[in-house]
């Protein structure tokens, strides 16, 4: 496996830090908790999508694209980082935002990631919940071609075999960091949604014969659907890299007990996790992904899922900008400060 064979444009700050979370470990009574700081990738406040965009935008440049099109939920971290990457590379960016929550709070609909989308110069359109977003993007691409532009369409979350290469690379990076610190990682835990991050990690860890146990905490789909999506993309990513034999199905594990009422909708566990990490480790999680991912990890620790001697790494996928769209849900609106 040689990732240097694939076109890549450097957009982020790598390697991202691997840091201990001593205060949280002590508070929860073990295991030994660490955080892989992919919120520190540097592109428009950072986040996991930067790794994917390094490969996706390289393909867009090779295709001589003049505009990139992508889609996501209203407070999409992926959309924000795509807009920033396009700005850096001198391309236009067209974003379609799907209403998946029904919220009419102006802070949610226009602040946070949405504000930064526009600040980076992206054109933003909205679509109702349940729309066929891939088809919507293809229709926009047809219109832009008719206008003389050369569009490159990026799937939601950057989740295809090209984007997943970013997390194949992250798996290699993490194992090397742990080795340099003389640490054996027992578990790697992260939020899983559009499947690209987990699929890349699964393919990458399998390719280097790592025995790290990977656990995705689902934020959107039921377990069977989530695991099927991840396994399918992991296999396609492995094939894209030229790996033989595919990826064993048992390597894909997603716990989807922490989604709550739906994607992007607050849960008590998410609220606790966001506050706990802010007040014990000075870390900002986001309400949609890392907040629910950490909520799942905390609950599993309390249920005795891990041993005190285990080294458990939480992959922080970024997205804290979305907090500005969830002030009311978190009880942190200015009017609520007493």
C-alpha atoms as a PDB file:
ATOM      1  CA  UNK A   1       0.000   0.000   0.000  1.00  0.00           C
ATOM      2  CA  UNK A   2       1.549   3.263  -1.150  1.00  0.00           C
ATOM      3  CA  UNK A   3      -0.619   6.335  -0.603  1.00  0.00           C
ATOM      4  CA  UNK A   4       1.934   8.498  -2.399  1.00  0.00           C
ATOM      5  CA  UNK A   5       0.543   7.063  -5.634  1.00  0.00           C
ATOM      6  CA  UNK A   6      -2.658   9.058  -5.144  1.00  0.00           C
ATOM      7  CA  UNK A   7      -2.873  12.795  -5.904  1.00  0.00           C
ATOM      8  CA  UNK A   8      -2.996  14.904  -2.732  1.00  0.00           C
ATOM      9  CA  UNK A   9      -2.999  18.623  -2.060  1.00  0.00           C
ATOM     10  CA  UNK A  10      -1.794  19.646   1.393  1.00  0.00           C
ATOM     11  CA  UNK A  11      -4.511  21.623   3.151  1.00  0.00           C
ATOM     12  CA  UNK A  12      -4.130  20.656   6.804  1.00  0.00           C
ATOM     13  CA  UNK A  13      -1.687  20.619   9.701  1.00  0.00           C
ATOM     14  CA  UNK A  14      -0.509  17.042  10.145  1.00  0.00           C
ATOM     15  CA  UNK A  15       0.149  15.032  12.188  1.00  0.00           C
ATOM     16  CA  UNK A  16      -2.556  16.230  14.542  1.00  0.00           C
ATOM     17  CA  UNK A  17      -1.753  15.961  18.276  1.00  0.00           C
ATOM     18  CA  UNK A  18      -2.364  12.826  20.328  1.00  0.00           C
ATOM     19  CA  UNK A  19      -2.966  14.012  23.893  1.00  0.00           C
ATOM     20  CA  UNK A  20      -3.911  12.420  27.216  1.00  0.00           C
ATOM     21  CA  UNK A  21      -7.223  13.334  28.887  1.00  0.00           C
ATOM     22  CA  UNK A  22      -6.051  12.878  32.454  1.00  0.00           C
ATOM     23  CA  UNK A  23      -8.807  14.846  34.159  1.00  0.00           C
ATOM     24  CA  UNK A  24     -11.587  12.978  32.383  1.00  0.00           C
ATOM     25  CA  UNK A  25      -9.888   9.631  33.022  1.00  0.00           C
ATOM     26  CA  UNK A  26      -9.681  10.386  36.736  1.00  0.00           C
ATOM     27  CA  UNK A  27     -13.265  11.614  36.881  1.00  0.00           C
ATOM     28  CA  UNK A  28     -14.606   8.471  35.228  1.00  0.00           C
ATOM     29  CA  UNK A  29     -12.291   6.119  37.110  1.00  0.00           C
ATOM     30  CA  UNK A  30     -10.480   4.853  34.016  1.00  0.00           C
ATOM     31  CA  UNK A  31      -9.635   3.677  31.415  1.00  0.00           C
ATOM     32  CA  UNK A  32      -6.672   5.747  30.237  1.00  0.00           C
ATOM     33  CA  UNK A  33      -8.256   8.223  27.850  1.00  0.00           C
ATOM     34  CA  UNK A  34      -6.545   9.994  24.968  1.00  0.00           C
ATOM     35  CA  UNK A  35      -7.758  12.341  22.256  1.00  0.00           C
ATOM     36  CA  UNK A  36      -6.590  12.469  18.641  1.00  0.00           C
ATOM     37  CA  UNK A  37      -7.014  16.142  17.825  1.00  0.00           C
ATOM     38  CA  UNK A  38      -8.424  16.164  14.300  1.00  0.00           C
ATOM     39  CA  UNK A  39     -10.193  19.340  15.352  1.00  0.00           C
ATOM     40  CA  UNK A  40      -6.731  20.891  14.866  1.00  0.00           C
ATOM     41  CA  UNK A  41      -6.338  20.289  11.138  1.00  0.00           C
ATOM     42  CA  UNK A  42      -6.254  24.039  10.603  1.00  0.00           C
ATOM     43  CA  UNK A  43      -8.610  24.528   7.647  1.00  0.00           C
ATOM     44  CA  UNK A  44     -11.354  26.980   8.666  1.00  0.00           C
ATOM     45  CA  UNK A  45     -11.209  26.019  12.381  1.00  0.00           C
ATOM     46  CA  UNK A  46     -10.322  22.422  11.486  1.00  0.00           C
ATOM     47  CA  UNK A  47     -12.113  19.094  11.459  1.00  0.00           C
ATOM     48  CA  UNK A  48     -11.933  15.617  10.004  1.00  0.00           C
ATOM     49  CA  UNK A  49     -13.125  16.578   6.515  1.00  0.00           C
ATOM     50  CA  UNK A  50      -9.809  18.285   5.789  1.00  0.00           C
ATOM     51  CA  UNK A  51      -8.088  14.913   5.477  1.00  0.00           C
ATOM     52  CA  UNK A  52     -10.650  13.791   2.891  1.00  0.00           C
ATOM     53  CA  UNK A  53     -10.532  17.070   1.008  1.00  0.00           C
ATOM     54  CA  UNK A  54      -6.783  16.796   0.462  1.00  0.00           C
ATOM     55  CA  UNK A  55      -7.483  13.890  -1.890  1.00  0.00           C
ATOM     56  CA  UNK A  56     -10.828  15.073  -3.253  1.00  0.00           C
ATOM     57  CA  UNK A  57      -9.609  18.548  -4.134  1.00  0.00           C
ATOM     58  CA  UNK A  58      -6.525  17.072  -5.791  1.00  0.00           C
ATOM     59  CA  UNK A  59      -8.854  15.128  -8.059  1.00  0.00           C
ATOM     60  CA  UNK A  60     -10.871  18.292  -8.708  1.00  0.00           C
ATOM     61  CA  UNK A  61      -7.705  20.170  -9.703  1.00  0.00           C
ATOM     62  CA  UNK A  62      -6.664  17.304 -11.979  1.00  0.00           C
ATOM     63  CA  UNK A  63     -10.099  17.520 -13.637  1.00  0.00           C
ATOM     64  CA  UNK A  64      -9.534  21.267 -14.153  1.00  0.00           C
ATOM     65  CA  UNK A  65     -12.687  22.052 -12.195  1.00  0.00           C
ATOM     66  CA  UNK A  66     -13.647  25.677 -11.718  1.00  0.00           C
ATOM     67  CA  UNK A  67     -16.379  25.020  -9.123  1.00  0.00           C
ATOM     68  CA  UNK A  68     -16.973  22.332  -6.515  1.00  0.00           C
ATOM     69  CA  UNK A  69     -20.458  21.287  -5.439  1.00  0.00           C
ATOM     70  CA  UNK A  70     -21.276  19.509  -2.207  1.00  0.00           C
ATOM     71  CA  UNK A  71     -24.116  18.997   0.237  1.00  0.00           C
ATOM     72  CA  UNK A  72     -24.823  18.448   3.910  1.00  0.00           C
ATOM     73  CA  UNK A  73     -27.116  19.289   6.791  1.00  0.00           C
ATOM     74  CA  UNK A  74     -27.661  22.934   7.721  1.00  0.00           C
ATOM     75  CA  UNK A  75     -24.759  22.984  10.188  1.00  0.00           C
ATOM     76  CA  UNK A  76     -22.489  20.887   7.982  1.00  0.00           C
ATOM     77  CA  UNK A  77     -18.834  20.850   9.015  1.00  0.00           C
ATOM     78  CA  UNK A  78     -17.999  19.277   5.672  1.00  0.00           C
ATOM     79  CA  UNK A  79     -19.614  22.126   3.739  1.00  0.00           C
ATOM     80  CA  UNK A  80     -17.636  24.705   5.711  1.00  0.00           C
ATOM     81  CA  UNK A  81     -14.290  22.989   5.124  1.00  0.00           C
ATOM     82  CA  UNK A  82     -15.089  22.426   1.442  1.00  0.00           C
ATOM     83  CA  UNK A  83     -15.845  26.129   1.029  1.00  0.00           C
ATOM     84  CA  UNK A  84     -12.522  26.970   2.678  1.00  0.00           C
ATOM     85  CA  UNK A  85     -10.591  24.491   0.514  1.00  0.00           C
ATOM     86  CA  UNK A  86     -12.175  25.917  -2.631  1.00  0.00           C
ATOM     87  CA  UNK A  87     -11.272  29.435  -1.550  1.00  0.00           C
ATOM     88  CA  UNK A  88      -7.680  28.429  -0.964  1.00  0.00           C
ATOM     89  CA  UNK A  89      -7.439  26.843  -4.409  1.00  0.00           C
ATOM     90  CA  UNK A  90      -9.161  29.689  -6.238  1.00  0.00           C
ATOM     91  CA  UNK A  91     -12.323  27.753  -7.097  1.00  0.00           C
ATOM     92  CA  UNK A  92     -15.955  28.639  -6.682  1.00  0.00           C
ATOM     93  CA  UNK A  93     -18.033  26.578  -4.249  1.00  0.00           C
ATOM     94  CA  UNK A  94     -21.747  25.790  -4.390  1.00  0.00           C
ATOM     95  CA  UNK A  95     -23.337  24.241  -1.300  1.00  0.00           C
ATOM     96  CA  UNK A  96     -26.739  22.613  -0.878  1.00  0.00           C
ATOM     97  CA  UNK A  97     -27.937  22.473   2.734  1.00  0.00           C
ATOM     98  CA  UNK A  98     -30.643  19.986   3.720  1.00  0.00           C
ATOM     99  CA  UNK A  99     -32.994  20.766   6.601  1.00  0.00           C
ATOM    100  CA  UNK A 100     -32.730  17.615   8.735  1.00  0.00           C
ATOM    101  CA  UNK A 101     -33.911  19.074  12.057  1.00  0.00           C
ATOM    102  CA  UNK A 102     -36.815  21.420  11.284  1.00  0.00           C
ATOM    103  CA  UNK A 103     -35.257  24.119  13.471  1.00  0.00           C
ATOM    104  CA  UNK A 104     -36.203  27.716  12.658  1.00  0.00           C
ATOM    105  CA  UNK A 105     -33.853  29.262  15.229  1.00  0.00           C
ATOM    106  CA  UNK A 106     -31.950  31.981  13.310  1.00  0.00           C
ATOM    107  CA  UNK A 107     -28.746  31.002  15.072  1.00  0.00           C
ATOM    108  CA  UNK A 108     -29.110  27.474  13.717  1.00  0.00           C
ATOM    109  CA  UNK A 109     -30.154  28.443  10.204  1.00  0.00           C
ATOM    110  CA  UNK A 110     -27.704  31.331   9.676  1.00  0.00           C
ATOM    111  CA  UNK A 111     -24.950  31.272  12.317  1.00  0.00           C
ATOM    112  CA  UNK A 112     -22.095  28.856  12.984  1.00  0.00           C
ATOM    113  CA  UNK A 113     -21.065  26.856   9.929  1.00  0.00           C
ATOM    114  CA  UNK A 114     -23.571  28.632   7.676  1.00  0.00           C
ATOM    115  CA  UNK A 115     -22.010  32.002   8.456  1.00  0.00           C
ATOM    116  CA  UNK A 116     -18.555  30.627   7.623  1.00  0.00           C
ATOM    117  CA  UNK A 117     -19.794  29.023   4.395  1.00  0.00           C
ATOM    118  CA  UNK A 118     -20.761  32.477   3.217  1.00  0.00           C
ATOM    119  CA  UNK A 119     -17.656  34.137   4.620  1.00  0.00           C
ATOM    120  CA  UNK A 120     -15.537  31.789   2.500  1.00  0.00           C
ATOM    121  CA  UNK A 121     -17.500  32.974  -0.530  1.00  0.00           C
ATOM    122  CA  UNK A 122     -19.639  29.897  -1.157  1.00  0.00           C
ATOM    123  CA  UNK A 123     -23.066  30.097  -2.794  1.00  0.00           C
ATOM    124  CA  UNK A 124     -25.586  28.474  -0.462  1.00  0.00           C
ATOM    125  CA  UNK A 125     -28.955  26.972  -1.398  1.00  0.00           C
ATOM    126  CA  UNK A 126     -31.378  25.158   0.888  1.00  0.00           C
ATOM    127  CA  UNK A 127     -33.344  21.957   0.365  1.00  0.00           C
ATOM    128  CA  UNK A 128     -36.125  20.366   2.463  1.00  0.00           C
ATOM    129  CA  UNK A 129     -35.472  17.311   4.588  1.00  0.00           C
ATOM    130  CA  UNK A 130     -35.651  14.046   2.707  1.00  0.00           C
ATOM    131  CA  UNK A 131     -34.617  15.500  -0.643  1.00  0.00           C
ATOM    132  CA  UNK A 132     -32.527  13.331  -2.965  1.00  0.00           C
ATOM    133  CA  UNK A 133     -29.395  15.366  -2.400  1.00  0.00           C
ATOM    134  CA  UNK A 134     -27.233  13.507  -4.901  1.00  0.00           C
ATOM    135  CA  UNK A 135     -29.774  14.198  -7.614  1.00  0.00           C
ATOM    136  CA  UNK A 136     -30.059  17.814  -6.504  1.00  0.00           C
ATOM    137  CA  UNK A 137     -26.289  18.217  -6.865  1.00  0.00           C
ATOM    138  CA  UNK A 138     -26.316  16.641 -10.308  1.00  0.00           C
ATOM    139  CA  UNK A 139     -29.019  19.071 -11.431  1.00  0.00           C
ATOM    140  CA  UNK A 140     -26.965  22.003 -10.161  1.00  0.00           C
ATOM    141  CA  UNK A 141     -23.928  20.617 -11.971  1.00  0.00           C
ATOM    142  CA  UNK A 142     -25.875  20.498 -15.242  1.00  0.00           C
ATOM    143  CA  UNK A 143     -26.900  24.125 -14.819  1.00  0.00           C
ATOM    144  CA  UNK A 144     -23.349  25.231 -14.044  1.00  0.00           C
ATOM    145  CA  UNK A 145     -22.024  23.382 -17.094  1.00  0.00           C
ATOM    146  CA  UNK A 146     -24.591  25.230 -19.205  1.00  0.00           C
ATOM    147  CA  UNK A 147     -23.179  28.453 -17.748  1.00  0.00           C
ATOM    148  CA  UNK A 148     -19.701  27.512 -18.936  1.00  0.00           C
ATOM    149  CA  UNK A 149     -18.264  26.275 -15.636  1.00  0.00           C
ATOM    150  CA  UNK A 150     -16.539  22.950 -14.944  1.00  0.00           C
ATOM    151  CA  UNK A 151     -18.110  21.454 -11.794  1.00  0.00           C
ATOM    152  CA  UNK A 152     -16.690  18.708  -9.596  1.00  0.00           C
ATOM    153  CA  UNK A 153     -19.256  17.037  -7.327  1.00  0.00           C
ATOM    154  CA  UNK A 154     -18.191  15.948  -3.835  1.00  0.00           C
ATOM    155  CA  UNK A 155     -20.566  13.602  -1.982  1.00  0.00           C
ATOM    156  CA  UNK A 156     -21.890  14.510   1.452  1.00  0.00           C
ATOM    157  CA  UNK A 157     -19.171  14.154   4.068  1.00  0.00           C
ATOM    158  CA  UNK A 158     -16.600  13.615   1.332  1.00  0.00           C
ATOM    159  CA  UNK A 159     -17.445   9.946   1.775  1.00  0.00           C
ATOM    160  CA  UNK A 160     -16.280   7.993  -1.242  1.00  0.00           C
ATOM    161  CA  UNK A 161     -13.137   5.890  -1.866  1.00  0.00           C
ATOM    162  CA  UNK A 162     -11.096   8.973  -2.773  1.00  0.00           C
ATOM    163  CA  UNK A 163     -12.067  10.899   0.361  1.00  0.00           C
ATOM    164  CA  UNK A 164     -11.673   7.845   2.604  1.00  0.00           C
ATOM    165  CA  UNK A 165      -7.966   7.759   1.709  1.00  0.00           C
ATOM    166  CA  UNK A 166      -7.600  10.607   4.185  1.00  0.00           C
ATOM    167  CA  UNK A 167      -8.476   8.263   7.020  1.00  0.00           C
ATOM    168  CA  UNK A 168      -6.399   5.402   5.691  1.00  0.00           C
ATOM    169  CA  UNK A 169      -3.565   7.864   6.112  1.00  0.00           C
ATOM    170  CA  UNK A 170      -4.846   8.879   9.562  1.00  0.00           C
ATOM    171  CA  UNK A 171      -4.747   5.246  10.719  1.00  0.00           C
ATOM    172  CA  UNK A 172      -1.086   5.005   9.724  1.00  0.00           C
ATOM    173  CA  UNK A 173      -0.353   8.358  11.382  1.00  0.00           C
ATOM    174  CA  UNK A 174      -2.009   7.361  14.662  1.00  0.00           C
ATOM    175  CA  UNK A 175      -0.223   4.007  14.917  1.00  0.00           C
ATOM    176  CA  UNK A 176       3.125   5.722  14.309  1.00  0.00           C
ATOM    177  CA  UNK A 177       2.400   8.348  16.987  1.00  0.00           C
ATOM    178  CA  UNK A 178       1.465   5.708  19.534  1.00  0.00           C
ATOM    179  CA  UNK A 179       4.628   3.742  18.767  1.00  0.00           C
ATOM    180  CA  UNK A 180       6.740   6.874  19.204  1.00  0.00           C
ATOM    181  CA  UNK A 181       5.166   7.355  22.650  1.00  0.00           C
ATOM    182  CA  UNK A 182       5.629   3.695  23.588  1.00  0.00           C
ATOM    183  CA  UNK A 183       1.854   3.271  23.897  1.00  0.00           C
ATOM    184  CA  UNK A 184      -0.353   0.396  22.833  1.00  0.00           C
ATOM    185  CA  UNK A 185      -3.801   1.592  21.763  1.00  0.00           C
ATOM    186  CA  UNK A 186      -6.534  -0.852  22.707  1.00  0.00           C
ATOM    187  CA  UNK A 187      -9.561   1.027  21.350  1.00  0.00           C
ATOM    188  CA  UNK A 188     -10.178   3.870  18.921  1.00  0.00           C
ATOM    189  CA  UNK A 189     -13.630   5.476  19.313  1.00  0.00           C
ATOM    190  CA  UNK A 190     -15.215   8.114  17.090  1.00  0.00           C
ATOM    191  CA  UNK A 191     -18.523   9.461  15.800  1.00  0.00           C
ATOM    192  CA  UNK A 192     -19.674   7.866  12.551  1.00  0.00           C
ATOM    193  CA  UNK A 193     -22.193   9.371  10.144  1.00  0.00           C
ATOM    194  CA  UNK A 194     -21.661   9.504   6.381  1.00  0.00           C
ATOM    195  CA  UNK A 195     -19.241   6.551   6.846  1.00  0.00           C
ATOM    196  CA  UNK A 196     -16.083   7.901   5.180  1.00  0.00           C
ATOM    197  CA  UNK A 197     -14.053   8.393   8.351  1.00  0.00           C
ATOM    198  CA  UNK A 198     -14.801   4.950   9.751  1.00  0.00           C
ATOM    199  CA  UNK A 199     -14.406   3.227   6.374  1.00  0.00           C
ATOM    200  CA  UNK A 200     -10.982   4.785   5.876  1.00  0.00           C
ATOM    201  CA  UNK A 201      -9.881   3.812   9.374  1.00  0.00           C
ATOM    202  CA  UNK A 202     -11.147   0.248   8.927  1.00  0.00           C
ATOM    203  CA  UNK A 203      -9.317  -0.135   5.612  1.00  0.00           C
ATOM    204  CA  UNK A 204      -6.168   1.514   6.922  1.00  0.00           C
ATOM    205  CA  UNK A 205      -5.922  -0.455  10.162  1.00  0.00           C
ATOM    206  CA  UNK A 206      -6.598  -3.679   8.274  1.00  0.00           C
ATOM    207  CA  UNK A 207      -3.941  -2.863   5.679  1.00  0.00           C
ATOM    208  CA  UNK A 208      -1.237  -2.474   8.339  1.00  0.00           C
ATOM    209  CA  UNK A 209      -2.459  -5.468  10.386  1.00  0.00           C
ATOM    210  CA  UNK A 210      -3.208  -3.342  13.448  1.00  0.00           C
ATOM    211  CA  UNK A 211      -5.025  -4.981  16.352  1.00  0.00           C
ATOM    212  CA  UNK A 212      -6.639  -1.716  17.502  1.00  0.00           C
ATOM    213  CA  UNK A 213     -10.352  -2.245  18.083  1.00  0.00           C
ATOM    214  CA  UNK A 214     -12.301   0.404  16.214  1.00  0.00           C
ATOM    215  CA  UNK A 215     -15.707   1.501  17.490  1.00  0.00           C
ATOM    216  CA  UNK A 216     -17.937   3.976  15.689  1.00  0.00           C
ATOM    217  CA  UNK A 217     -20.666   5.739  17.656  1.00  0.00           C
ATOM    218  CA  UNK A 218     -23.517   6.311  15.216  1.00  0.00           C
ATOM    219  CA  UNK A 219     -25.097   9.748  14.940  1.00  0.00           C
ATOM    220  CA  UNK A 220     -27.703   9.140  12.255  1.00  0.00           C
ATOM    221  CA  UNK A 221     -28.622   5.663  10.963  1.00  0.00           C
ATOM    222  CA  UNK A 222     -29.686   2.423  12.711  1.00  0.00           C
ATOM    223  CA  UNK A 223     -26.864  -0.026  13.411  1.00  0.00           C
ATOM    224  CA  UNK A 224     -27.412  -2.453  10.532  1.00  0.00           C
ATOM    225  CA  UNK A 225     -27.651   0.322   7.967  1.00  0.00           C
ATOM    226  CA  UNK A 226     -24.647   2.175   9.399  1.00  0.00           C
ATOM    227  CA  UNK A 227     -22.420  -0.885   9.484  1.00  0.00           C
ATOM    228  CA  UNK A 228     -23.477  -1.896   5.976  1.00  0.00           C
ATOM    229  CA  UNK A 229     -22.619   1.559   4.618  1.00  0.00           C
ATOM    230  CA  UNK A 230     -19.240   1.558   6.340  1.00  0.00           C
ATOM    231  CA  UNK A 231     -18.331  -1.958   5.213  1.00  0.00           C
ATOM    232  CA  UNK A 232     -19.335  -1.244   1.628  1.00  0.00           C
ATOM    233  CA  UNK A 233     -17.206   1.899   1.496  1.00  0.00           C
ATOM    234  CA  UNK A 234     -14.288   0.223   3.307  1.00  0.00           C
ATOM    235  CA  UNK A 235     -14.283  -2.532   0.677  1.00  0.00           C
ATOM    236  CA  UNK A 236     -14.453  -0.022  -2.173  1.00  0.00           C
ATOM    237  CA  UNK A 237     -11.639   1.976  -0.572  1.00  0.00           C
ATOM    238  CA  UNK A 238      -9.482  -1.134  -0.236  1.00  0.00           C
ATOM    239  CA  UNK A 239     -10.151  -1.962  -3.876  1.00  0.00           C
ATOM    240  CA  UNK A 240      -9.283   1.614  -4.882  1.00  0.00           C
ATOM    241  CA  UNK A 241      -5.929   1.184  -3.114  1.00  0.00           C
ATOM    242  CA  UNK A 242      -5.278  -2.141  -4.818  1.00  0.00           C
ATOM    243  CA  UNK A 243      -5.639  -4.251  -1.656  1.00  0.00           C
ATOM    244  CA  UNK A 244      -6.593  -7.864  -2.232  1.00  0.00           C
ATOM    245  CA  UNK A 245      -9.157  -9.819  -0.235  1.00  0.00           C
ATOM    246  CA  UNK A 246     -11.434  -6.951   0.748  1.00  0.00           C
ATOM    247  CA  UNK A 247     -12.188  -6.072   4.369  1.00  0.00           C
ATOM    248  CA  UNK A 248     -13.663  -8.610   6.833  1.00  0.00           C
ATOM    249  CA  UNK A 249     -17.189  -7.655   7.870  1.00  0.00           C
ATOM    250  CA  UNK A 250     -16.432  -8.229  11.562  1.00  0.00           C
ATOM    251  CA  UNK A 251     -14.009  -5.298  11.576  1.00  0.00           C
ATOM    252  CA  UNK A 252     -16.913  -2.875  11.180  1.00  0.00           C
ATOM    253  CA  UNK A 253     -18.610  -2.133  14.504  1.00  0.00           C
ATOM    254  CA  UNK A 254     -21.019   0.743  15.121  1.00  0.00           C
ATOM    255  CA  UNK A 255     -22.994   1.382  18.296  1.00  0.00           C
ATOM    256  CA  UNK A 256     -26.045   3.417  17.326  1.00  0.00           C
ATOM    257  CA  UNK A 257     -27.708   3.640  20.744  1.00  0.00           C
ATOM    258  CA  UNK A 258     -26.856   7.326  21.169  1.00  0.00           C
ATOM    259  CA  UNK A 259     -28.517   8.915  18.140  1.00  0.00           C
ATOM    260  CA  UNK A 260     -31.498  10.025  20.250  1.00  0.00           C
ATOM    261  CA  UNK A 261     -34.530  11.481  18.445  1.00  0.00           C
ATOM    262  CA  UNK A 262     -32.571  11.973  15.211  1.00  0.00           C
ATOM    263  CA  UNK A 263     -29.598  13.433  13.389  1.00  0.00           C
ATOM    264  CA  UNK A 264     -28.577  16.824  14.714  1.00  0.00           C
ATOM    265  CA  UNK A 265     -31.173  16.746  17.498  1.00  0.00           C
ATOM    266  CA  UNK A 266     -29.868  17.249  21.046  1.00  0.00           C
ATOM    267  CA  UNK A 267     -29.753  14.508  23.664  1.00  0.00           C
ATOM    268  CA  UNK A 268     -29.068  14.779  27.416  1.00  0.00           C
ATOM    269  CA  UNK A 269     -25.956  12.631  26.966  1.00  0.00           C
ATOM    270  CA  UNK A 270     -24.605  14.953  24.281  1.00  0.00           C
ATOM    271  CA  UNK A 271     -25.235  17.992  26.455  1.00  0.00           C
ATOM    272  CA  UNK A 272     -23.434  16.363  29.389  1.00  0.00           C
ATOM    273  CA  UNK A 273     -20.490  15.362  27.205  1.00  0.00           C
ATOM    274  CA  UNK A 274     -20.092  18.832  25.674  1.00  0.00           C
ATOM    275  CA  UNK A 275     -20.144  20.492  29.101  1.00  0.00           C
ATOM    276  CA  UNK A 276     -17.935  17.850  30.750  1.00  0.00           C
ATOM    277  CA  UNK A 277     -15.164  18.084  28.150  1.00  0.00           C
ATOM    278  CA  UNK A 278     -15.285  21.882  28.134  1.00  0.00           C
ATOM    279  CA  UNK A 279     -14.995  22.021  31.937  1.00  0.00           C
ATOM    280  CA  UNK A 280     -12.517  19.209  32.578  1.00  0.00           C
ATOM    281  CA  UNK A 281     -10.224  19.228  29.544  1.00  0.00           C
ATOM    282  CA  UNK A 282     -10.840  22.628  27.938  1.00  0.00           C
ATOM    283  CA  UNK A 283     -11.983  20.836  24.777  1.00  0.00           C
ATOM    284  CA  UNK A 284     -14.854  21.997  22.597  1.00  0.00           C
ATOM    285  CA  UNK A 285     -16.950  19.213  21.087  1.00  0.00           C
ATOM    286  CA  UNK A 286     -19.726  19.737  18.576  1.00  0.00           C
ATOM    287  CA  UNK A 287     -23.416  18.935  19.186  1.00  0.00           C
ATOM    288  CA  UNK A 288     -23.931  16.644  16.177  1.00  0.00           C
ATOM    289  CA  UNK A 289     -20.895  14.374  15.892  1.00  0.00           C
ATOM    290  CA  UNK A 290     -18.175  14.504  18.540  1.00  0.00           C
ATOM    291  CA  UNK A 291     -20.695  15.388  21.288  1.00  0.00           C
ATOM    292  CA  UNK A 292     -22.754  12.255  20.666  1.00  0.00           C
ATOM    293  CA  UNK A 293     -19.618  10.207  20.056  1.00  0.00           C
ATOM    294  CA  UNK A 294     -18.215  11.240  23.424  1.00  0.00           C
ATOM    295  CA  UNK A 295     -21.607  10.664  25.070  1.00  0.00           C
ATOM    296  CA  UNK A 296     -21.463   7.079  23.854  1.00  0.00           C
ATOM    297  CA  UNK A 297     -17.903   6.628  25.085  1.00  0.00           C
ATOM    298  CA  UNK A 298     -18.719   8.027  28.533  1.00  0.00           C
ATOM    299  CA  UNK A 299     -21.775   5.797  28.880  1.00  0.00           C
ATOM    300  CA  UNK A 300     -19.830   2.698  27.817  1.00  0.00           C
ATOM    301  CA  UNK A 301     -17.120   3.510  30.371  1.00  0.00           C
ATOM    302  CA  UNK A 302     -19.736   3.784  33.102  1.00  0.00           C
ATOM    303  CA  UNK A 303     -21.161   0.423  32.029  1.00  0.00           C
ATOM    304  CA  UNK A 304     -17.749  -1.239  32.375  1.00  0.00           C
ATOM    305  CA  UNK A 305     -17.134  -1.825  28.658  1.00  0.00           C
ATOM    306  CA  UNK A 306     -13.420  -1.025  29.038  1.00  0.00           C
ATOM    307  CA  UNK A 307     -10.812  -2.185  31.540  1.00  0.00           C
ATOM    308  CA  UNK A 308      -8.948   0.389  33.654  1.00  0.00           C
ATOM    309  CA  UNK A 309      -5.646  -0.623  32.010  1.00  0.00           C
ATOM    310  CA  UNK A 310      -6.945   0.015  28.484  1.00  0.00           C
ATOM    311  CA  UNK A 311      -5.682   2.926  26.408  1.00  0.00           C
ATOM    312  CA  UNK A 312      -8.739   4.359  24.656  1.00  0.00           C
ATOM    313  CA  UNK A 313      -8.284   7.056  22.006  1.00  0.00           C
ATOM    314  CA  UNK A 314     -11.194   9.304  21.088  1.00  0.00           C
ATOM    315  CA  UNK A 315     -10.924  10.759  17.597  1.00  0.00           C
ATOM    316  CA  UNK A 316     -12.074  14.368  17.833  1.00  0.00           C
ATOM    317  CA  UNK A 317     -13.594  15.105  14.429  1.00  0.00           C
ATOM    318  CA  UNK A 318     -13.998  18.850  15.079  1.00  0.00           C
ATOM    319  CA  UNK A 319     -17.043  20.965  14.378  1.00  0.00           C
ATOM    320  CA  UNK A 320     -17.178  23.202  17.451  1.00  0.00           C
ATOM    321  CA  UNK A 321     -18.345  26.093  15.222  1.00  0.00           C
ATOM    322  CA  UNK A 322     -21.764  24.402  15.241  1.00  0.00           C
ATOM    323  CA  UNK A 323     -22.066  25.226  18.955  1.00  0.00           C
ATOM    324  CA  UNK A 324     -23.047  28.742  17.912  1.00  0.00           C
ATOM    325  CA  UNK A 325     -26.121  27.265  16.270  1.00  0.00           C
ATOM    326  CA  UNK A 326     -27.131  25.299  19.379  1.00  0.00           C
ATOM    327  CA  UNK A 327     -26.970  27.925  22.120  1.00  0.00           C
ATOM    328  CA  UNK A 328     -30.639  27.572  22.993  1.00  0.00           C
ATOM    329  CA  UNK A 329     -30.552  23.771  22.978  1.00  0.00           C
ATOM    330  CA  UNK A 330     -27.551  23.816  25.315  1.00  0.00           C
ATOM    331  CA  UNK A 331     -29.097  26.372  27.644  1.00  0.00           C
ATOM    332  CA  UNK A 332     -26.370  28.888  26.875  1.00  0.00           C
ATOM    333  CA  UNK A 333     -28.228  31.741  25.148  1.00  0.00           C
ATOM    334  CA  UNK A 334     -27.162  35.169  26.348  1.00  0.00           C
ATOM    335  CA  UNK A 335     -30.637  35.787  27.780  1.00  0.00           C
ATOM    336  CA  UNK A 336     -30.261  32.648  29.894  1.00  0.00           C
ATOM    337  CA  UNK A 337     -27.083  33.839  31.588  1.00  0.00           C
ATOM    338  CA  UNK A 338     -27.866  34.918  35.118  1.00  0.00           C
END
